[in-house]
Structure formats: structure tokens, C-alpha cells
Amino acid sequence: MGRHQTEINDQGREYLEYNERLTKIRTLETTSEQRAFPPKQFAHANKESCPVEAYKEFDHHSPKEALHDDAPFYLSKNYSRQAG
């Protein structure tokens, strides 16, 4: 989805990778603006606090128009959710 994607490395560990895109501020014209490698966050055993599992849940609830590669990172408050 968009700028983030889940991958599995050579050791079989799942991770979330940030795929940076160009912005008005970050043009990548100079080498100082370029990252040596994309940032990654690896999954861990505790599913309740695992960032990869949290992202999958977030992705599952994202609107379809936010799922294409050039979509902005979508966050919105859910006003209809009941407490508890």
C-alpha cells in the first residue's frame, strides 16, 4: 500500500518497509537528501504490540482510494465506533 509494504527477508522475518516518494521539501536532488537504504521495522512475537501486525490492521480498514502507490498516508478518526 502506498509508501509502505510488508516483505519477508532471507531469514524468513517479516518486516514493514518505508518507500519514500518525492515531496516539495524532499526532492532528492543532492546525495545528502538520499537514504542509503529504506527504513524497516521488523515484526516480533507479541502480536498486540507488533508494528507489522498493527499496520496490517490499519491497511485492512483503509478506504480503497487510499490503497494505490501514490496515495497519501491515510489516517482518520472513527466517529462511529462505540466505546468498550
C-alpha atoms as a PDB file:
ATOM      1  CA  MET A   1       0.000   0.000   0.000  1.00  0.00           C
ATOM      2  CA  GLY A   2       1.317   3.383  -0.936  1.00  0.00           C
ATOM      3  CA  ARG A   3       4.623   4.203   0.694  1.00  0.00           C
ATOM      4  CA  HIS A   4       4.682   1.142   2.941  1.00  0.00           C
ATOM      5  CA  GLN A   5       4.832  -2.534   2.133  1.00  0.00           C
ATOM      6  CA  THR A   6       5.392  -5.754   4.014  1.00  0.00           C
ATOM      7  CA  GLU A   7       8.228  -8.021   2.935  1.00  0.00           C
ATOM      8  CA  ILE A   8       9.982 -11.152   4.220  1.00  0.00           C
ATOM      9  CA  ASN A   9      13.787 -11.215   4.467  1.00  0.00           C
ATOM     10  CA  ASP A  10      16.179 -14.105   3.744  1.00  0.00           C
ATOM     11  CA  GLN A  11      15.810 -15.396   7.326  1.00  0.00           C
ATOM     12  CA  GLY A  12      12.017 -15.545   6.999  1.00  0.00           C
ATOM     13  CA  ARG A  13      11.358 -12.495   9.204  1.00  0.00           C
ATOM     14  CA  GLU A  14       8.522 -10.247   8.131  1.00  0.00           C
ATOM     15  CA  TYR A  15       9.116  -6.507   8.079  1.00  0.00           C
ATOM     16  CA  LEU A  16       7.477  -3.257   7.069  1.00  0.00           C
ATOM     17  CA  GLU A  17       9.479  -1.125   4.624  1.00  0.00           C
ATOM     18  CA  TYR A  18       9.011   2.586   4.021  1.00  0.00           C
ATOM     19  CA  ASN A  19       9.276   3.518   0.338  1.00  0.00           C
ATOM     20  CA  GLU A  20       9.981   7.213   0.229  1.00  0.00           C
ATOM     21  CA  ARG A  21       8.492   9.289  -2.509  1.00  0.00           C
ATOM     22  CA  LEU A  22       9.440  12.783  -3.603  1.00  0.00           C
ATOM     23  CA  THR A  23       7.815  15.747  -1.888  1.00  0.00           C
ATOM     24  CA  LYS A  24       8.026  19.509  -2.263  1.00  0.00           C
ATOM     25  CA  ILE A  25      10.593  19.596   0.541  1.00  0.00           C
ATOM     26  CA  ARG A  26      12.478  16.384  -0.173  1.00  0.00           C
ATOM     27  CA  THR A  27      13.469  16.421  -3.857  1.00  0.00           C
ATOM     28  CA  LEU A  28      16.429  14.011  -3.614  1.00  0.00           C
ATOM     29  CA  GLU A  29      18.493  16.337  -5.820  1.00  0.00           C
ATOM     30  CA  THR A  30      21.518  16.117  -3.547  1.00  0.00           C
ATOM     31  CA  THR A  31      23.106  12.993  -2.118  1.00  0.00           C
ATOM     32  CA  SER A  32      22.610  14.358   1.409  1.00  0.00           C
ATOM     33  CA  GLU A  33      18.845  14.003   0.893  1.00  0.00           C
ATOM     34  CA  GLN A  34      19.086  10.364  -0.213  1.00  0.00           C
ATOM     35  CA  ARG A  35      18.889   7.476   2.250  1.00  0.00           C
ATOM     36  CA  ALA A  36      21.442   4.680   1.967  1.00  0.00           C
ATOM     37  CA  PHE A  37      18.605   2.150   2.380  1.00  0.00           C
ATOM     38  CA  PRO A  38      14.866   2.346   3.106  1.00  0.00           C
ATOM     39  CA  PRO A  39      13.852   2.295   6.798  1.00  0.00           C
ATOM     40  CA  LYS A  40      12.478  -1.055   8.011  1.00  0.00           C
ATOM     41  CA  GLN A  41      10.528  -2.164  11.077  1.00  0.00           C
ATOM     42  CA  PHE A  42      10.606  -5.887  11.865  1.00  0.00           C
ATOM     43  CA  ALA A  43       7.743  -7.937  13.273  1.00  0.00           C
ATOM     44  CA  HIS A  44       8.058  -9.513  16.711  1.00  0.00           C
ATOM     45  CA  ALA A  45       6.330 -12.293  18.616  1.00  0.00           C
ATOM     46  CA  ASN A  46       3.978 -10.137  20.724  1.00  0.00           C
ATOM     47  CA  LYS A  47       1.107  -9.621  18.260  1.00  0.00           C
ATOM     48  CA  GLU A  48      -0.551  -6.969  20.452  1.00  0.00           C
ATOM     49  CA  SER A  49       2.402  -4.577  20.119  1.00  0.00           C
ATOM     50  CA  CYS A  50       3.855  -5.756  16.788  1.00  0.00           C
ATOM     51  CA  PRO A  51       4.206  -2.825  14.345  1.00  0.00           C
ATOM     52  CA  VAL A  52       3.758  -5.071  11.296  1.00  0.00           C
ATOM     53  CA  GLU A  53       0.500  -6.523  12.661  1.00  0.00           C
ATOM     54  CA  ALA A  54      -0.708  -3.018  13.559  1.00  0.00           C
ATOM     55  CA  TYR A  55      -0.001  -1.842  10.016  1.00  0.00           C
ATOM     56  CA  LYS A  56      -1.849  -4.833   8.527  1.00  0.00           C
ATOM     57  CA  GLU A  57      -4.884  -3.983  10.662  1.00  0.00           C
ATOM     58  CA  PHE A  58      -4.632  -0.326   9.614  1.00  0.00           C
ATOM     59  CA  ASP A  59      -4.339  -1.350   5.952  1.00  0.00           C
ATOM     60  CA  HIS A  60      -7.401  -3.608   6.270  1.00  0.00           C
ATOM     61  CA  HIS A  61      -9.535  -0.618   7.350  1.00  0.00           C
ATOM     62  CA  SER A  62      -8.175   1.899   4.821  1.00  0.00           C
ATOM     63  CA  PRO A  63     -10.532   3.128   2.100  1.00  0.00           C
ATOM     64  CA  LYS A  64      -9.945   1.683  -1.376  1.00  0.00           C
ATOM     65  CA  GLU A  65      -8.926   5.071  -2.796  1.00  0.00           C
ATOM     66  CA  ALA A  66      -6.020   5.152  -0.315  1.00  0.00           C
ATOM     67  CA  LEU A  67      -4.539   1.838  -1.487  1.00  0.00           C
ATOM     68  CA  HIS A  68      -2.731   2.957  -4.650  1.00  0.00           C
ATOM     69  CA  ASP A  69       1.013   3.688  -4.676  1.00  0.00           C
ATOM     70  CA  ASP A  70       0.801   7.473  -4.891  1.00  0.00           C
ATOM     71  CA  ALA A  71      -1.877   7.837  -2.189  1.00  0.00           C
ATOM     72  CA  PRO A  72      -1.004   9.841   0.924  1.00  0.00           C
ATOM     73  CA  PHE A  73      -0.659   8.024   4.238  1.00  0.00           C
ATOM     74  CA  TYR A  74      -4.290   7.954   5.370  1.00  0.00           C
ATOM     75  CA  LEU A  75      -5.392   8.457   8.976  1.00  0.00           C
ATOM     76  CA  SER A  76      -8.843   9.457  10.111  1.00  0.00           C
ATOM     77  CA  LYS A  77     -10.778   9.394  13.358  1.00  0.00           C
ATOM     78  CA  ASN A  78     -13.610   6.851  13.525  1.00  0.00           C
ATOM     79  CA  TYR A  79     -16.557   8.778  14.960  1.00  0.00           C
ATOM     80  CA  SER A  80     -18.988   5.859  14.752  1.00  0.00           C
ATOM     81  CA  ARG A  81     -17.056   3.411  16.957  1.00  0.00           C
ATOM     82  CA  GLN A  82     -18.716   2.561  20.256  1.00  0.00           C
ATOM     83  CA  ALA A  83     -16.679   2.693  23.483  1.00  0.00           C
ATOM     84  CA  GLY A  84     -15.818  -0.587  25.137  1.00  0.00           C
END
